[in-house]
Amino acid sequence: MLLTCASLPNEQTVQTAVSATGADERDGDFMARALELARAAQAAGEVPVGALVVKDGIVVGEGWNRPIGTHDPTAHAEIVALRAAAETLGTYRLLDTTLYVTLEPCPMCAGAMVHARVKRLVYAATDPRAGAAGTVFNIVQHPALNHRLECTGGVLAEECSALLRGFFLARR
């Protein structure tokens, strides 16, 4: 099931199911690549989250979680992908881009997407602890901010959720 995120006037968020036609036809392909990146994170001993930034159908930046190995608390998959895309495009303003990520972004990553002016966010699994695209917070569409992202959730959600569950079960 795909979800679309929408802000209500009282700043609550509602997620409603949308048909597959509500998503870009290549969302599944790009999310499959993000899932490959998440597996690379897992192989490196990191929480398995992968992300990529796409502009005009071309991947311009990608990354996976790296905070453990780099000793950098900001090295989330989304931040790594945003930095790579900014380097590729020669600007931090990532206008008309889509960011794909296997887990709903945290507040830090959502804020970075707003600052970078990412046009669209597509995520797989919701994050009930820190999701900032509507599950806990809705930073990506907050009316007080100067930019809002289009948002689609649930693309390859089960596959990405299973990878995360397996990772955390193995560590407990």
C-alpha atoms as a PDB file:
ATOM      1  CA  MET A   1       0.000   0.000   0.000  1.00  0.00           C
ATOM      2  CA  LEU A   2       1.296   3.445  -0.885  1.00  0.00           C
ATOM      3  CA  LEU A   3       0.764   6.441   1.368  1.00  0.00           C
ATOM      4  CA  THR A   4       0.584  10.099   0.566  1.00  0.00           C
ATOM      5  CA  CYS A   5       1.316  12.609   3.304  1.00  0.00           C
ATOM      6  CA  ALA A   6      -0.879  15.660   3.714  1.00  0.00           C
ATOM      7  CA  SER A   7      -0.970  18.421   6.289  1.00  0.00           C
ATOM      8  CA  LEU A   8      -4.235  19.418   7.896  1.00  0.00           C
ATOM      9  CA  PRO A   9      -4.938  23.014   8.950  1.00  0.00           C
ATOM     10  CA  ASN A  10      -4.363  22.193  12.632  1.00  0.00           C
ATOM     11  CA  GLU A  11      -0.869  20.883  11.781  1.00  0.00           C
ATOM     12  CA  GLN A  12      -1.849  17.246  12.218  1.00  0.00           C
ATOM     13  CA  THR A  13      -0.879  14.854   9.496  1.00  0.00           C
ATOM     14  CA  VAL A  14      -2.984  12.330   7.706  1.00  0.00           C
ATOM     15  CA  GLN A  15      -1.629   9.525   5.585  1.00  0.00           C
ATOM     16  CA  THR A  16      -4.036   8.104   3.056  1.00  0.00           C
ATOM     17  CA  ALA A  17      -3.666   5.177   0.715  1.00  0.00           C
ATOM     18  CA  VAL A  18      -3.128   6.046  -2.936  1.00  0.00           C
ATOM     19  CA  SER A  19      -3.214   3.819  -5.955  1.00  0.00           C
ATOM     20  CA  ALA A  20      -0.039   2.754  -7.707  1.00  0.00           C
ATOM     21  CA  THR A  21      -0.896   5.317 -10.387  1.00  0.00           C
ATOM     22  CA  GLY A  22      -0.398   8.030  -7.745  1.00  0.00           C
ATOM     23  CA  ALA A  23       3.281   7.136  -7.647  1.00  0.00           C
ATOM     24  CA  ASP A  24       5.895   7.702 -10.315  1.00  0.00           C
ATOM     25  CA  GLU A  25       6.217   4.588 -12.458  1.00  0.00           C
ATOM     26  CA  ARG A  26       9.938   4.327 -11.638  1.00  0.00           C
ATOM     27  CA  ASP A  27       9.544   4.647  -7.864  1.00  0.00           C
ATOM     28  CA  GLY A  28       9.856   0.889  -7.387  1.00  0.00           C
ATOM     29  CA  ASP A  29      13.063   0.727  -9.425  1.00  0.00           C
ATOM     30  CA  PHE A  30      14.710   3.577  -7.556  1.00  0.00           C
ATOM     31  CA  MET A  31      13.579   2.183  -4.201  1.00  0.00           C
ATOM     32  CA  ALA A  32      15.065  -1.194  -5.171  1.00  0.00           C
ATOM     33  CA  ARG A  33      18.410   0.589  -5.603  1.00  0.00           C
ATOM     34  CA  ALA A  34      17.964   2.242  -2.192  1.00  0.00           C
ATOM     35  CA  LEU A  35      17.350  -1.234  -0.753  1.00  0.00           C
ATOM     36  CA  GLU A  36      20.654  -2.426  -2.283  1.00  0.00           C
ATOM     37  CA  LEU A  37      22.369   0.499  -0.555  1.00  0.00           C
ATOM     38  CA  ALA A  38      20.675  -0.442   2.725  1.00  0.00           C
ATOM     39  CA  ARG A  39      22.127  -3.933   2.379  1.00  0.00           C
ATOM     40  CA  ALA A  40      25.576  -2.365   1.903  1.00  0.00           C
ATOM     41  CA  ALA A  41      25.046  -0.465   5.161  1.00  0.00           C
ATOM     42  CA  GLN A  42      24.141  -3.702   6.915  1.00  0.00           C
ATOM     43  CA  ALA A  43      27.243  -5.426   5.545  1.00  0.00           C
ATOM     44  CA  ALA A  44      29.301  -2.558   7.004  1.00  0.00           C
ATOM     45  CA  GLY A  45      27.698  -3.036  10.434  1.00  0.00           C
ATOM     46  CA  GLU A  46      25.483   0.043  10.117  1.00  0.00           C
ATOM     47  CA  VAL A  47      21.711   0.303  10.518  1.00  0.00           C
ATOM     48  CA  PRO A  48      20.443  -0.780   7.074  1.00  0.00           C
ATOM     49  CA  VAL A  49      19.108   2.408   5.525  1.00  0.00           C
ATOM     50  CA  GLY A  50      19.874   3.452   1.963  1.00  0.00           C
ATOM     51  CA  ALA A  51      19.026   6.617   0.038  1.00  0.00           C
ATOM     52  CA  LEU A  52      19.475   8.184  -3.367  1.00  0.00           C
ATOM     53  CA  VAL A  53      18.698  11.482  -5.051  1.00  0.00           C
ATOM     54  CA  VAL A  54      17.314  11.509  -8.589  1.00  0.00           C
ATOM     55  CA  LYS A  55      17.074  14.424 -11.017  1.00  0.00           C
ATOM     56  CA  ASP A  56      15.509  14.042 -14.458  1.00  0.00           C
ATOM     57  CA  GLY A  57      15.519  10.256 -14.080  1.00  0.00           C
ATOM     58  CA  ILE A  58      19.255  10.095 -13.285  1.00  0.00           C
ATOM     59  CA  VAL A  59      20.788   9.201  -9.926  1.00  0.00           C
ATOM     60  CA  VAL A  60      22.911  12.193  -8.885  1.00  0.00           C
ATOM     61  CA  GLY A  61      23.743  11.090  -5.337  1.00  0.00           C
ATOM     62  CA  GLU A  62      23.454   8.023  -3.177  1.00  0.00           C
ATOM     63  CA  GLY A  63      24.500   6.783   0.210  1.00  0.00           C
ATOM     64  CA  TRP A  64      23.840   4.524   3.121  1.00  0.00           C
ATOM     65  CA  ASN A  65      23.995   4.952   6.869  1.00  0.00           C
ATOM     66  CA  ARG A  66      27.574   5.561   8.068  1.00  0.00           C
ATOM     67  CA  PRO A  67      27.451   7.114  11.554  1.00  0.00           C
ATOM     68  CA  ILE A  68      29.079   4.155  13.310  1.00  0.00           C
ATOM     69  CA  GLY A  69      32.037   3.755  10.959  1.00  0.00           C
ATOM     70  CA  THR A  70      32.645   7.470  10.473  1.00  0.00           C
ATOM     71  CA  HIS A  71      31.969   8.511  14.082  1.00  0.00           C
ATOM     72  CA  ASP A  72      29.645  11.132  12.600  1.00  0.00           C
ATOM     73  CA  PRO A  73      26.128  11.379  14.045  1.00  0.00           C
ATOM     74  CA  THR A  74      24.966  13.270  10.941  1.00  0.00           C
ATOM     75  CA  ALA A  75      26.051  10.558   8.480  1.00  0.00           C
ATOM     76  CA  HIS A  76      22.542   9.230   7.903  1.00  0.00           C
ATOM     77  CA  ALA A  77      21.828   7.769   4.467  1.00  0.00           C
ATOM     78  CA  GLU A  78      19.822  10.818   3.406  1.00  0.00           C
ATOM     79  CA  ILE A  79      22.549  13.271   4.418  1.00  0.00           C
ATOM     80  CA  VAL A  80      25.215  11.233   2.610  1.00  0.00           C
ATOM     81  CA  ALA A  81      23.025  11.150  -0.530  1.00  0.00           C
ATOM     82  CA  LEU A  82      22.227  14.882  -0.298  1.00  0.00           C
ATOM     83  CA  ARG A  83      25.919  15.745   0.031  1.00  0.00           C
ATOM     84  CA  ALA A  84      26.787  13.584  -2.985  1.00  0.00           C
ATOM     85  CA  ALA A  85      23.986  15.138  -5.056  1.00  0.00           C
ATOM     86  CA  ALA A  86      25.052  18.664  -4.107  1.00  0.00           C
ATOM     87  CA  GLU A  87      28.613  17.851  -5.154  1.00  0.00           C
ATOM     88  CA  THR A  88      27.435  16.349  -8.458  1.00  0.00           C
ATOM     89  CA  LEU A  89      25.139  19.273  -9.273  1.00  0.00           C
ATOM     90  CA  GLY A  90      27.468  21.968  -7.948  1.00  0.00           C
ATOM     91  CA  THR A  91      24.833  23.488  -5.662  1.00  0.00           C
ATOM     92  CA  TYR A  92      23.167  22.752  -2.355  1.00  0.00           C
ATOM     93  CA  ARG A  93      19.787  23.735  -3.835  1.00  0.00           C
ATOM     94  CA  LEU A  94      18.535  20.430  -5.124  1.00  0.00           C
ATOM     95  CA  LEU A  95      15.554  21.808  -7.014  1.00  0.00           C
ATOM     96  CA  ASP A  96      13.377  19.369  -8.973  1.00  0.00           C
ATOM     97  CA  THR A  97      14.929  16.313  -7.319  1.00  0.00           C
ATOM     98  CA  THR A  98      13.395  13.274  -5.654  1.00  0.00           C
ATOM     99  CA  LEU A  99      14.968  11.624  -2.627  1.00  0.00           C
ATOM    100  CA  TYR A 100      14.296   7.891  -2.167  1.00  0.00           C
ATOM    101  CA  VAL A 101      14.981   6.333   1.231  1.00  0.00           C
ATOM    102  CA  THR A 102      14.210   2.963   2.771  1.00  0.00           C
ATOM    103  CA  LEU A 103      13.088   4.416   6.131  1.00  0.00           C
ATOM    104  CA  GLU A 104      11.020   7.521   6.806  1.00  0.00           C
ATOM    105  CA  PRO A 105      13.452  10.378   7.513  1.00  0.00           C
ATOM    106  CA  CYS A 106      14.246  11.618  11.017  1.00  0.00           C
ATOM    107  CA  PRO A 107      13.839  15.321  11.890  1.00  0.00           C
ATOM    108  CA  MET A 108      17.477  16.131  11.022  1.00  0.00           C
ATOM    109  CA  CYS A 109      17.249  14.563   7.574  1.00  0.00           C
ATOM    110  CA  ALA A 110      13.807  16.022   6.887  1.00  0.00           C
ATOM    111  CA  GLY A 111      15.137  19.471   7.787  1.00  0.00           C
ATOM    112  CA  ALA A 112      18.065  19.020   5.419  1.00  0.00           C
ATOM    113  CA  MET A 113      15.662  18.091   2.607  1.00  0.00           C
ATOM    114  CA  VAL A 114      13.594  21.209   3.258  1.00  0.00           C
ATOM    115  CA  HIS A 115      16.750  23.358   3.289  1.00  0.00           C
ATOM    116  CA  ALA A 116      17.979  21.768   0.046  1.00  0.00           C
ATOM    117  CA  ARG A 117      14.574  22.354  -1.587  1.00  0.00           C
ATOM    118  CA  VAL A 118      14.129  18.702  -2.568  1.00  0.00           C
ATOM    119  CA  LYS A 119      10.886  18.534  -4.545  1.00  0.00           C
ATOM    120  CA  ARG A 120       9.709  15.049  -3.626  1.00  0.00           C
ATOM    121  CA  LEU A 121      10.340  12.446  -0.946  1.00  0.00           C
ATOM    122  CA  VAL A 122       9.623   8.750  -1.470  1.00  0.00           C
ATOM    123  CA  TYR A 123      10.173   6.438   1.483  1.00  0.00           C
ATOM    124  CA  ALA A 124       9.521   2.773   2.163  1.00  0.00           C
ATOM    125  CA  ALA A 125       8.973   1.968   5.853  1.00  0.00           C
ATOM    126  CA  THR A 126       7.458   4.321   8.399  1.00  0.00           C
ATOM    127  CA  ASP A 127       9.446   5.147  11.531  1.00  0.00           C
ATOM    128  CA  PRO A 128       7.167   5.116  14.598  1.00  0.00           C
ATOM    129  CA  ARG A 129       9.928   6.530  16.827  1.00  0.00           C
ATOM    130  CA  ALA A 130      11.305   9.450  14.829  1.00  0.00           C
ATOM    131  CA  GLY A 131       9.486   9.657  11.489  1.00  0.00           C
ATOM    132  CA  ALA A 132       9.376  13.262  10.310  1.00  0.00           C
ATOM    133  CA  ALA A 133       7.266  12.799   7.176  1.00  0.00           C
ATOM    134  CA  GLY A 134       4.031  12.356   9.071  1.00  0.00           C
ATOM    135  CA  THR A 135       4.374   9.440  11.468  1.00  0.00           C
ATOM    136  CA  VAL A 136       5.646  11.368  14.521  1.00  0.00           C
ATOM    137  CA  PHE A 137       6.349  14.823  13.059  1.00  0.00           C
ATOM    138  CA  ASN A 138       5.644  16.379   9.681  1.00  0.00           C
ATOM    139  CA  ILE A 139       8.642  18.546   8.975  1.00  0.00           C
ATOM    140  CA  VAL A 140       8.556  17.946   5.216  1.00  0.00           C
ATOM    141  CA  GLN A 141       5.167  19.650   4.932  1.00  0.00           C
ATOM    142  CA  HIS A 142       5.056  21.931   7.952  1.00  0.00           C
ATOM    143  CA  PRO A 143       3.185  25.151   7.122  1.00  0.00           C
ATOM    144  CA  ALA A 144       5.606  27.346   9.104  1.00  0.00           C
ATOM    145  CA  LEU A 145       8.572  26.375   6.926  1.00  0.00           C
ATOM    146  CA  ASN A 146       9.518  28.039   3.642  1.00  0.00           C
ATOM    147  CA  HIS A 147       9.418  24.849   1.550  1.00  0.00           C
ATOM    148  CA  ARG A 148       7.276  21.723   1.477  1.00  0.00           C
ATOM    149  CA  LEU A 149       7.963  18.427  -0.230  1.00  0.00           C
ATOM    150  CA  GLU A 150       5.616  16.170  -2.117  1.00  0.00           C
ATOM    151  CA  CYS A 151       5.633  12.918  -0.180  1.00  0.00           C
ATOM    152  CA  THR A 152       4.884   9.270  -0.964  1.00  0.00           C
ATOM    153  CA  GLY A 153       5.407   6.479   1.554  1.00  0.00           C
ATOM    154  CA  GLY A 154       5.071   2.718   1.449  1.00  0.00           C
ATOM    155  CA  VAL A 155       7.085   1.923  -1.707  1.00  0.00           C
ATOM    156  CA  LEU A 156       8.652  -1.535  -1.091  1.00  0.00           C
ATOM    157  CA  ALA A 157       7.723  -1.061   2.570  1.00  0.00           C
ATOM    158  CA  GLU A 158       7.596  -4.744   3.482  1.00  0.00           C
ATOM    159  CA  GLU A 159      11.014  -5.551   2.019  1.00  0.00           C
ATOM    160  CA  CYS A 160      12.654  -2.596   3.745  1.00  0.00           C
ATOM    161  CA  SER A 161      10.863  -3.247   7.044  1.00  0.00           C
ATOM    162  CA  ALA A 162      11.948  -6.891   6.960  1.00  0.00           C
ATOM    163  CA  LEU A 163      15.587  -5.878   6.482  1.00  0.00           C
ATOM    164  CA  LEU A 164      15.420  -3.510   9.460  1.00  0.00           C
ATOM    165  CA  ARG A 165      13.610  -6.058  11.655  1.00  0.00           C
ATOM    166  CA  GLY A 166      16.182  -8.724  10.838  1.00  0.00           C
ATOM    167  CA  PHE A 167      19.052  -6.376  11.612  1.00  0.00           C
ATOM    168  CA  PHE A 168      17.717  -5.406  15.037  1.00  0.00           C
ATOM    169  CA  LEU A 169      16.650  -8.952  15.961  1.00  0.00           C
ATOM    170  CA  ALA A 170      20.187 -10.182  15.264  1.00  0.00           C
ATOM    171  CA  ARG A 171      21.600  -7.532  17.623  1.00  0.00           C
ATOM    172  CA  ARG A 172      19.371  -8.374  20.577  1.00  0.00           C
END
